[in-house]
Amino acid sequence: MGDADHIRIAVAAARASRWIGASAALVVASLLLNAFTGRPLPNPALLMLCLAILSGAGAIYLMVRIELDCSIFEGAATAADVNAYFASFDQSRLELGVGAAPREARPVGERVRGLLRLMRALAFLFIAELLLALASLWIARWFF
């Protein structure tokens, strides 16, 4: 599998993760709506609700990072020389002061693995958010 294949996989995976990010945003919105309407929540349920909202905020941050990487990989997919594209991108990032200076040129496969790590973290935070929200609702409805 070549660099072009890795880039296509990264773009497709980042596009697919938009659904997870959108779901996380909707869950955060519904949790906030639930927190400020209706009857007061007991402390354990409120704690779980706050943790769910925080994990949702983290998921939204990761979604922004994944979208940024998606646009970078889309640009690399149309570049004539992928390695030159990423070298130029790293130089531009350094000149703008965005992120840490790269230690050395990273191969495309390593960049794609970094994107996939972000996506796994996004999925983990979404699952945690959903479980915490469900637990909060369950505790609020059945125990108090």
C-alpha atoms as a PDB file:
ATOM      1  CA  MET A   1       0.000   0.000   0.000  1.00  0.00           C
ATOM      2  CA  GLY A   2       1.464   3.322  -1.064  1.00  0.00           C
ATOM      3  CA  ASP A   3       1.266   6.816   0.361  1.00  0.00           C
ATOM      4  CA  ALA A   4      -1.645   7.714  -1.927  1.00  0.00           C
ATOM      5  CA  ASP A   5      -3.640   4.773  -0.544  1.00  0.00           C
ATOM      6  CA  HIS A   6      -2.848   5.819   3.013  1.00  0.00           C
ATOM      7  CA  ILE A   7      -4.031   9.347   2.256  1.00  0.00           C
ATOM      8  CA  ARG A   8      -7.285   8.118   0.700  1.00  0.00           C
ATOM      9  CA  ILE A   9      -7.942   5.983   3.771  1.00  0.00           C
ATOM     10  CA  ALA A  10      -7.244   8.921   6.074  1.00  0.00           C
ATOM     11  CA  VAL A  11      -9.627  11.219   4.189  1.00  0.00           C
ATOM     12  CA  ALA A  12     -12.382   8.605   4.105  1.00  0.00           C
ATOM     13  CA  ALA A  13     -11.978   7.797   7.797  1.00  0.00           C
ATOM     14  CA  ALA A  14     -12.001  11.470   8.767  1.00  0.00           C
ATOM     15  CA  ARG A  15     -15.139  12.052   6.735  1.00  0.00           C
ATOM     16  CA  ALA A  16     -16.816   9.072   8.382  1.00  0.00           C
ATOM     17  CA  SER A  17     -15.935  10.359  11.846  1.00  0.00           C
ATOM     18  CA  ARG A  18     -18.043  13.458  11.180  1.00  0.00           C
ATOM     19  CA  TRP A  19     -21.060  11.370  12.173  1.00  0.00           C
ATOM     20  CA  ILE A  20     -19.533  10.583  15.552  1.00  0.00           C
ATOM     21  CA  GLY A  21     -18.701  14.244  16.112  1.00  0.00           C
ATOM     22  CA  ALA A  22     -22.171  15.354  15.101  1.00  0.00           C
ATOM     23  CA  SER A  23     -23.702  12.792  17.431  1.00  0.00           C
ATOM     24  CA  ALA A  24     -21.500  13.995  20.276  1.00  0.00           C
ATOM     25  CA  ALA A  25     -22.607  17.578  19.676  1.00  0.00           C
ATOM     26  CA  LEU A  26     -26.263  16.541  19.691  1.00  0.00           C
ATOM     27  CA  VAL A  27     -25.821  14.591  22.921  1.00  0.00           C
ATOM     28  CA  VAL A  28     -24.145  17.597  24.564  1.00  0.00           C
ATOM     29  CA  ALA A  29     -26.991  19.832  23.448  1.00  0.00           C
ATOM     30  CA  SER A  30     -29.626  17.443  24.778  1.00  0.00           C
ATOM     31  CA  LEU A  31     -27.733  17.034  28.055  1.00  0.00           C
ATOM     32  CA  LEU A  32     -27.546  20.773  28.530  1.00  0.00           C
ATOM     33  CA  LEU A  33     -31.232  21.060  27.753  1.00  0.00           C
ATOM     34  CA  ASN A  34     -31.990  18.309  30.272  1.00  0.00           C
ATOM     35  CA  ALA A  35     -29.824  19.959  32.919  1.00  0.00           C
ATOM     36  CA  PHE A  36     -31.635  23.287  32.747  1.00  0.00           C
ATOM     37  CA  THR A  37     -35.210  22.102  32.351  1.00  0.00           C
ATOM     38  CA  GLY A  38     -37.441  19.902  34.402  1.00  0.00           C
ATOM     39  CA  ARG A  39     -36.987  18.875  37.989  1.00  0.00           C
ATOM     40  CA  PRO A  40     -33.719  19.240  39.909  1.00  0.00           C
ATOM     41  CA  LEU A  41     -31.321  16.344  39.521  1.00  0.00           C
ATOM     42  CA  PRO A  42     -29.831  14.462  42.482  1.00  0.00           C
ATOM     43  CA  ASN A  43     -26.105  14.976  43.032  1.00  0.00           C
ATOM     44  CA  PRO A  44     -24.895  11.636  41.580  1.00  0.00           C
ATOM     45  CA  ALA A  45     -26.967  12.170  38.454  1.00  0.00           C
ATOM     46  CA  LEU A  46     -25.793  15.764  38.160  1.00  0.00           C
ATOM     47  CA  LEU A  47     -22.152  14.660  38.505  1.00  0.00           C
ATOM     48  CA  MET A  48     -22.578  12.094  35.737  1.00  0.00           C
ATOM     49  CA  LEU A  49     -24.338  14.661  33.590  1.00  0.00           C
ATOM     50  CA  CYS A  50     -21.448  17.114  34.051  1.00  0.00           C
ATOM     51  CA  LEU A  51     -18.910  14.401  33.180  1.00  0.00           C
ATOM     52  CA  ALA A  52     -20.930  13.532  30.081  1.00  0.00           C
ATOM     53  CA  ILE A  53     -20.941  17.169  29.006  1.00  0.00           C
ATOM     54  CA  LEU A  54     -17.177  17.430  29.570  1.00  0.00           C
ATOM     55  CA  SER A  55     -16.496  14.284  27.558  1.00  0.00           C
ATOM     56  CA  GLY A  56     -18.750  15.689  24.831  1.00  0.00           C
ATOM     57  CA  ALA A  57     -16.753  18.909  24.809  1.00  0.00           C
ATOM     58  CA  GLY A  58     -13.586  16.839  24.445  1.00  0.00           C
ATOM     59  CA  ALA A  59     -15.197  14.937  21.576  1.00  0.00           C
ATOM     60  CA  ILE A  60     -16.066  18.183  19.827  1.00  0.00           C
ATOM     61  CA  TYR A  61     -12.442  19.372  20.197  1.00  0.00           C
ATOM     62  CA  LEU A  62     -11.212  16.114  18.677  1.00  0.00           C
ATOM     63  CA  MET A  63     -13.711  16.517  15.857  1.00  0.00           C
ATOM     64  CA  VAL A  64     -12.200  19.900  15.022  1.00  0.00           C
ATOM     65  CA  ARG A  65      -8.730  18.323  14.989  1.00  0.00           C
ATOM     66  CA  ILE A  66      -9.923  15.507  12.736  1.00  0.00           C
ATOM     67  CA  GLU A  67     -11.543  17.977  10.330  1.00  0.00           C
ATOM     68  CA  LEU A  68      -8.271  19.905  10.185  1.00  0.00           C
ATOM     69  CA  ASP A  69      -6.365  16.715   9.420  1.00  0.00           C
ATOM     70  CA  CYS A  70      -8.958  15.779   6.810  1.00  0.00           C
ATOM     71  CA  SER A  71      -8.382  19.020   4.937  1.00  0.00           C
ATOM     72  CA  ILE A  72      -4.608  18.493   5.167  1.00  0.00           C
ATOM     73  CA  PHE A  73      -4.884  14.988   3.756  1.00  0.00           C
ATOM     74  CA  GLU A  74      -7.256  16.165   1.019  1.00  0.00           C
ATOM     75  CA  GLY A  75      -4.580  18.657  -0.028  1.00  0.00           C
ATOM     76  CA  ALA A  76      -1.953  15.918   0.051  1.00  0.00           C
ATOM     77  CA  ALA A  77      -4.137  13.685  -2.110  1.00  0.00           C
ATOM     78  CA  THR A  78      -3.963  16.202  -4.957  1.00  0.00           C
ATOM     79  CA  ALA A  79      -0.257  17.022  -4.526  1.00  0.00           C
ATOM     80  CA  ALA A  80       2.221  15.799  -7.120  1.00  0.00           C
ATOM     81  CA  ASP A  81       4.839  14.986  -4.457  1.00  0.00           C
ATOM     82  CA  VAL A  82       3.312  13.989  -1.136  1.00  0.00           C
ATOM     83  CA  ASN A  83       6.550  14.222   0.846  1.00  0.00           C
ATOM     84  CA  ALA A  84       7.242  17.730  -0.473  1.00  0.00           C
ATOM     85  CA  TYR A  85       3.661  18.719   0.398  1.00  0.00           C
ATOM     86  CA  PHE A  86       4.045  17.578   4.003  1.00  0.00           C
ATOM     87  CA  ALA A  87       7.506  19.188   4.291  1.00  0.00           C
ATOM     88  CA  SER A  88       6.012  22.464   3.062  1.00  0.00           C
ATOM     89  CA  PHE A  89       3.055  22.064   5.425  1.00  0.00           C
ATOM     90  CA  ASP A  90       5.363  21.448   8.397  1.00  0.00           C
ATOM     91  CA  GLN A  91       7.433  24.514   7.456  1.00  0.00           C
ATOM     92  CA  SER A  92       4.313  26.691   7.185  1.00  0.00           C
ATOM     93  CA  ARG A  93       3.054  25.408  10.525  1.00  0.00           C
ATOM     94  CA  LEU A  94       6.419  26.247  12.104  1.00  0.00           C
ATOM     95  CA  GLU A  95       6.437  29.763  10.617  1.00  0.00           C
ATOM     96  CA  LEU A  96       2.910  30.427  11.891  1.00  0.00           C
ATOM     97  CA  GLY A  97       3.746  29.108  15.348  1.00  0.00           C
ATOM     98  CA  VAL A  98       0.998  26.496  15.236  1.00  0.00           C
ATOM     99  CA  GLY A  99       2.024  23.390  17.150  1.00  0.00           C
ATOM    100  CA  ALA A 100       5.450  22.161  18.131  1.00  0.00           C
ATOM    101  CA  ALA A 101       8.346  22.036  15.728  1.00  0.00           C
ATOM    102  CA  PRO A 102       8.634  18.617  14.094  1.00  0.00           C
ATOM    103  CA  ARG A 103      11.643  16.609  15.213  1.00  0.00           C
ATOM    104  CA  GLU A 104      12.082  15.107  11.772  1.00  0.00           C
ATOM    105  CA  ALA A 105      10.015  14.476   8.685  1.00  0.00           C
ATOM    106  CA  ARG A 106       7.281  11.978   9.494  1.00  0.00           C
ATOM    107  CA  PRO A 107       6.281   9.398   6.921  1.00  0.00           C
ATOM    108  CA  VAL A 108       2.716   9.439   5.613  1.00  0.00           C
ATOM    109  CA  GLY A 109       1.862   6.171   7.350  1.00  0.00           C
ATOM    110  CA  GLU A 110       2.766   7.663  10.724  1.00  0.00           C
ATOM    111  CA  ARG A 111       0.611  10.725  10.013  1.00  0.00           C
ATOM    112  CA  VAL A 112      -2.336   8.498   9.115  1.00  0.00           C
ATOM    113  CA  ARG A 113      -1.836   6.452  12.300  1.00  0.00           C
ATOM    114  CA  GLY A 114      -1.962   9.737  14.244  1.00  0.00           C
ATOM    115  CA  LEU A 115      -5.297  10.565  12.637  1.00  0.00           C
ATOM    116  CA  LEU A 116      -6.614   7.104  13.431  1.00  0.00           C
ATOM    117  CA  ARG A 117      -5.562   7.567  17.089  1.00  0.00           C
ATOM    118  CA  LEU A 118      -7.586  10.785  17.190  1.00  0.00           C
ATOM    119  CA  MET A 119     -10.555   8.932  15.752  1.00  0.00           C
ATOM    120  CA  ARG A 120     -10.292   6.140  18.339  1.00  0.00           C
ATOM    121  CA  ALA A 121     -10.121   8.759  21.092  1.00  0.00           C
ATOM    122  CA  LEU A 122     -13.204  10.463  19.606  1.00  0.00           C
ATOM    123  CA  ALA A 123     -15.109   7.176  19.557  1.00  0.00           C
ATOM    124  CA  PHE A 124     -14.059   6.444  23.156  1.00  0.00           C
ATOM    125  CA  LEU A 125     -15.206   9.870  24.355  1.00  0.00           C
ATOM    126  CA  PHE A 126     -18.498   9.526  22.510  1.00  0.00           C
ATOM    127  CA  ILE A 127     -19.168   6.130  24.094  1.00  0.00           C
ATOM    128  CA  ALA A 128     -18.216   7.489  27.527  1.00  0.00           C
ATOM    129  CA  GLU A 129     -20.475  10.496  26.984  1.00  0.00           C
ATOM    130  CA  LEU A 130     -23.381   8.331  25.966  1.00  0.00           C
ATOM    131  CA  LEU A 131     -22.948   5.879  28.860  1.00  0.00           C
ATOM    132  CA  LEU A 132     -22.630   8.700  31.399  1.00  0.00           C
ATOM    133  CA  ALA A 133     -25.709  10.410  30.014  1.00  0.00           C
ATOM    134  CA  LEU A 134     -27.736   7.214  30.153  1.00  0.00           C
ATOM    135  CA  ALA A 135     -26.512   6.465  33.673  1.00  0.00           C
ATOM    136  CA  SER A 136     -27.418   9.987  34.756  1.00  0.00           C
ATOM    137  CA  LEU A 137     -30.914   9.661  33.392  1.00  0.00           C
ATOM    138  CA  TRP A 138     -31.323   6.196  34.901  1.00  0.00           C
ATOM    139  CA  ILE A 139     -30.212   7.357  38.357  1.00  0.00           C
ATOM    140  CA  ALA A 140     -32.406  10.461  38.189  1.00  0.00           C
ATOM    141  CA  ARG A 141     -35.487   8.482  37.196  1.00  0.00           C
ATOM    142  CA  TRP A 142     -35.214   5.341  39.295  1.00  0.00           C
ATOM    143  CA  PHE A 143     -33.249   6.020  42.457  1.00  0.00           C
ATOM    144  CA  PHE A 144     -34.468   9.436  43.543  1.00  0.00           C
END
